[in-house]
């Protein structure tokens, strides 16, 4: 299940969801009501990604992606609170960017736990070794 096709499909869905969210809320006025709409829609996108992760990934990769979606939900909640307090959005923007970059890197990074029990030798005709 953690094959490159499922990883790329999840990455494409996450990218499309973030672009669609950006397109829909791009021109919202900077008021408290529209800030609530912005952050609620961001939470909804994260929640939807949290729910579809098991359809594309498994085991530790799925756990990691779901944890990062939960982290994004927490950051969006904090971002709304910070916005209502009148704080600078610098920290929120950086945290969301970091979570997004980590998600993208993790989807592209294949480690020994993502092979679903398949073990491939590093050299042709060499014996494989389980870690």
C-alpha atoms as a PDB file:
ATOM      1  CA  UNK A   1       0.000   0.000   0.000  1.00  0.00           C
ATOM      2  CA  UNK A   2       2.907   2.389   0.557  1.00  0.00           C
ATOM      3  CA  UNK A   3       3.977   2.170  -3.063  1.00  0.00           C
ATOM      4  CA  UNK A   4       5.064   5.239  -4.975  1.00  0.00           C
ATOM      5  CA  UNK A   5       1.716   5.488  -6.779  1.00  0.00           C
ATOM      6  CA  UNK A   6      -0.259   5.742  -3.556  1.00  0.00           C
ATOM      7  CA  UNK A   7       2.279   8.186  -2.126  1.00  0.00           C
ATOM      8  CA  UNK A   8       2.082  10.388  -5.215  1.00  0.00           C
ATOM      9  CA  UNK A   9      -1.714  10.172  -5.233  1.00  0.00           C
ATOM     10  CA  UNK A  10      -1.881  11.320  -1.598  1.00  0.00           C
ATOM     11  CA  UNK A  11       0.652  14.070  -2.288  1.00  0.00           C
ATOM     12  CA  UNK A  12      -1.368  15.224  -5.320  1.00  0.00           C
ATOM     13  CA  UNK A  13      -4.591  15.239  -3.293  1.00  0.00           C
ATOM     14  CA  UNK A  14      -2.953  17.206  -0.475  1.00  0.00           C
ATOM     15  CA  UNK A  15      -1.462  19.707  -2.927  1.00  0.00           C
ATOM     16  CA  UNK A  16      -4.763  20.093  -4.807  1.00  0.00           C
ATOM     17  CA  UNK A  17      -6.656  20.564  -1.533  1.00  0.00           C
ATOM     18  CA  UNK A  18      -4.260  23.278  -0.373  1.00  0.00           C
ATOM     19  CA  UNK A  19      -4.404  25.049  -3.764  1.00  0.00           C
ATOM     20  CA  UNK A  20      -8.205  24.846  -3.813  1.00  0.00           C
ATOM     21  CA  UNK A  21      -8.361  26.225  -0.271  1.00  0.00           C
ATOM     22  CA  UNK A  22      -6.028  29.052  -1.243  1.00  0.00           C
ATOM     23  CA  UNK A  23      -8.083  29.835  -4.357  1.00  0.00           C
ATOM     24  CA  UNK A  24     -11.382  29.911  -2.445  1.00  0.00           C
ATOM     25  CA  UNK A  25     -10.227  32.036   0.517  1.00  0.00           C
ATOM     26  CA  UNK A  26      -7.638  34.171  -1.263  1.00  0.00           C
ATOM     27  CA  UNK A  27      -9.645  37.392  -1.378  1.00  0.00           C
ATOM     28  CA  UNK A  28     -11.449  37.246   1.948  1.00  0.00           C
ATOM     29  CA  UNK A  29     -11.525  40.559   3.804  1.00  0.00           C
ATOM     30  CA  UNK A  30      -9.422  40.708   7.007  1.00  0.00           C
ATOM     31  CA  UNK A  31     -12.277  40.654   9.499  1.00  0.00           C
ATOM     32  CA  UNK A  32     -12.902  38.346  12.425  1.00  0.00           C
ATOM     33  CA  UNK A  33     -15.852  36.614  10.758  1.00  0.00           C
ATOM     34  CA  UNK A  34     -13.898  35.857   7.588  1.00  0.00           C
ATOM     35  CA  UNK A  35     -10.891  34.792   9.655  1.00  0.00           C
ATOM     36  CA  UNK A  36     -13.142  32.230  11.312  1.00  0.00           C
ATOM     37  CA  UNK A  37     -14.227  31.058   7.839  1.00  0.00           C
ATOM     38  CA  UNK A  38     -10.588  30.827   6.714  1.00  0.00           C
ATOM     39  CA  UNK A  39      -9.388  28.837   9.707  1.00  0.00           C
ATOM     40  CA  UNK A  40     -12.507  26.632   9.789  1.00  0.00           C
ATOM     41  CA  UNK A  41     -12.012  25.751   6.132  1.00  0.00           C
ATOM     42  CA  UNK A  42      -8.323  25.015   6.769  1.00  0.00           C
ATOM     43  CA  UNK A  43      -9.348  22.731   9.640  1.00  0.00           C
ATOM     44  CA  UNK A  44     -11.828  21.006   7.335  1.00  0.00           C
ATOM     45  CA  UNK A  45      -9.160  20.383   4.695  1.00  0.00           C
ATOM     46  CA  UNK A  46      -6.823  18.949   7.337  1.00  0.00           C
ATOM     47  CA  UNK A  47      -9.600  16.773   8.756  1.00  0.00           C
ATOM     48  CA  UNK A  48     -10.420  15.418   5.286  1.00  0.00           C
ATOM     49  CA  UNK A  49      -6.739  14.606   4.676  1.00  0.00           C
ATOM     50  CA  UNK A  50      -6.633  12.921   8.078  1.00  0.00           C
ATOM     51  CA  UNK A  51      -9.560  10.708   7.076  1.00  0.00           C
ATOM     52  CA  UNK A  52      -8.256   9.745   3.600  1.00  0.00           C
ATOM     53  CA  UNK A  53      -4.699   8.874   4.670  1.00  0.00           C
ATOM     54  CA  UNK A  54      -5.565   5.220   5.478  1.00  0.00           C
ATOM     55  CA  UNK A  55      -6.920   4.759   1.953  1.00  0.00           C
ATOM     56  CA  UNK A  56      -3.508   5.568   0.446  1.00  0.00           C
ATOM     57  CA  UNK A  57      -0.917   4.674   3.080  1.00  0.00           C
ATOM     58  CA  UNK A  58      -0.418   2.061   5.767  1.00  0.00           C
ATOM     59  CA  UNK A  59       1.352   1.430   9.036  1.00  0.00           C
ATOM     60  CA  UNK A  60       3.973   3.968  10.143  1.00  0.00           C
ATOM     61  CA  UNK A  61       3.592   6.210   7.116  1.00  0.00           C
ATOM     62  CA  UNK A  62      -0.152   6.457   7.723  1.00  0.00           C
ATOM     63  CA  UNK A  63       0.444   7.156  11.413  1.00  0.00           C
ATOM     64  CA  UNK A  64       2.963   9.865  10.580  1.00  0.00           C
ATOM     65  CA  UNK A  65       0.690  11.535   8.036  1.00  0.00           C
ATOM     66  CA  UNK A  66      -2.242  11.468  10.432  1.00  0.00           C
ATOM     67  CA  UNK A  67      -0.134  12.900  13.251  1.00  0.00           C
ATOM     68  CA  UNK A  68       1.045  15.692  10.958  1.00  0.00           C
ATOM     69  CA  UNK A  69      -2.587  16.415   9.999  1.00  0.00           C
ATOM     70  CA  UNK A  70      -3.469  16.628  13.692  1.00  0.00           C
ATOM     71  CA  UNK A  71      -0.506  18.956  14.204  1.00  0.00           C
ATOM     72  CA  UNK A  72      -1.803  21.108  11.356  1.00  0.00           C
ATOM     73  CA  UNK A  73      -5.247  21.211  12.964  1.00  0.00           C
ATOM     74  CA  UNK A  74      -3.695  22.346  16.251  1.00  0.00           C
ATOM     75  CA  UNK A  75      -1.611  24.990  14.440  1.00  0.00           C
ATOM     76  CA  UNK A  76      -4.703  26.271  12.614  1.00  0.00           C
ATOM     77  CA  UNK A  77      -6.589  26.485  15.910  1.00  0.00           C
ATOM     78  CA  UNK A  78      -3.691  28.394  17.456  1.00  0.00           C
ATOM     79  CA  UNK A  79      -3.522  30.584  14.350  1.00  0.00           C
ATOM     80  CA  UNK A  80      -7.158  31.568  14.815  1.00  0.00           C
ATOM     81  CA  UNK A  81      -6.570  32.364  18.482  1.00  0.00           C
ATOM     82  CA  UNK A  82      -3.473  34.393  17.596  1.00  0.00           C
ATOM     83  CA  UNK A  83      -5.409  36.245  14.893  1.00  0.00           C
ATOM     84  CA  UNK A  84      -8.194  37.118  17.324  1.00  0.00           C
ATOM     85  CA  UNK A  85      -5.610  38.403  19.820  1.00  0.00           C
ATOM     86  CA  UNK A  86      -4.077  40.592  17.112  1.00  0.00           C
ATOM     87  CA  UNK A  87      -0.722  38.802  17.063  1.00  0.00           C
ATOM     88  CA  UNK A  88       1.587  38.831  14.083  1.00  0.00           C
ATOM     89  CA  UNK A  89       0.863  35.896  11.700  1.00  0.00           C
ATOM     90  CA  UNK A  90       4.590  35.216  11.214  1.00  0.00           C
ATOM     91  CA  UNK A  91       4.709  32.241  13.592  1.00  0.00           C
ATOM     92  CA  UNK A  92       1.522  30.682  12.181  1.00  0.00           C
ATOM     93  CA  UNK A  93       2.799  31.011   8.608  1.00  0.00           C
ATOM     94  CA  UNK A  94       6.150  29.443   9.460  1.00  0.00           C
ATOM     95  CA  UNK A  95       4.637  26.554  11.422  1.00  0.00           C
ATOM     96  CA  UNK A  96       2.173  25.675   8.654  1.00  0.00           C
ATOM     97  CA  UNK A  97       4.969  25.871   6.063  1.00  0.00           C
ATOM     98  CA  UNK A  98       7.187  23.587   8.163  1.00  0.00           C
ATOM     99  CA  UNK A  99       4.416  20.998   8.629  1.00  0.00           C
ATOM    100  CA  UNK A 100       3.655  21.059   4.890  1.00  0.00           C
ATOM    101  CA  UNK A 101       7.317  20.610   3.971  1.00  0.00           C
ATOM    102  CA  UNK A 102       7.726  17.761   6.459  1.00  0.00           C
ATOM    103  CA  UNK A 103       4.634  16.038   5.037  1.00  0.00           C
ATOM    104  CA  UNK A 104       5.976  16.332   1.495  1.00  0.00           C
ATOM    105  CA  UNK A 105       9.426  15.046   2.467  1.00  0.00           C
ATOM    106  CA  UNK A 106       7.947  12.124   4.407  1.00  0.00           C
ATOM    107  CA  UNK A 107       5.784  11.104   1.463  1.00  0.00           C
ATOM    108  CA  UNK A 108       8.855  11.042  -0.770  1.00  0.00           C
ATOM    109  CA  UNK A 109      11.153   9.408   1.792  1.00  0.00           C
ATOM    110  CA  UNK A 110      11.084   5.616   1.781  1.00  0.00           C
ATOM    111  CA  UNK A 111      12.504   3.883   4.829  1.00  0.00           C
ATOM    112  CA  UNK A 112      12.708   0.250   5.847  1.00  0.00           C
ATOM    113  CA  UNK A 113       9.287   0.345   7.537  1.00  0.00           C
ATOM    114  CA  UNK A 114       7.476   1.418   4.353  1.00  0.00           C
ATOM    115  CA  UNK A 115       8.210  -1.674   2.301  1.00  0.00           C
ATOM    116  CA  UNK A 116       5.339  -3.801   3.657  1.00  0.00           C
ATOM    117  CA  UNK A 117       7.639  -6.705   4.437  1.00  0.00           C
ATOM    118  CA  UNK A 118       9.424  -6.678   1.084  1.00  0.00           C
ATOM    119  CA  UNK A 119      13.158  -6.921   1.412  1.00  0.00           C
ATOM    120  CA  UNK A 120      15.365  -6.168  -1.574  1.00  0.00           C
ATOM    121  CA  UNK A 121      19.089  -6.738  -1.715  1.00  0.00           C
ATOM    122  CA  UNK A 122      21.317  -3.725  -2.229  1.00  0.00           C
ATOM    123  CA  UNK A 123      23.479  -5.522  -4.778  1.00  0.00           C
ATOM    124  CA  UNK A 124      22.483  -7.874  -7.569  1.00  0.00           C
ATOM    125  CA  UNK A 125      22.772 -11.548  -6.557  1.00  0.00           C
ATOM    126  CA  UNK A 126      23.378 -10.590  -2.930  1.00  0.00           C
ATOM    127  CA  UNK A 127      21.433 -12.080  -0.047  1.00  0.00           C
ATOM    128  CA  UNK A 128      18.895  -9.786   1.545  1.00  0.00           C
ATOM    129  CA  UNK A 129      19.076  -9.037   5.229  1.00  0.00           C
ATOM    130  CA  UNK A 130      16.151  -8.060   7.440  1.00  0.00           C
ATOM    131  CA  UNK A 131      16.863  -5.203   9.836  1.00  0.00           C
END
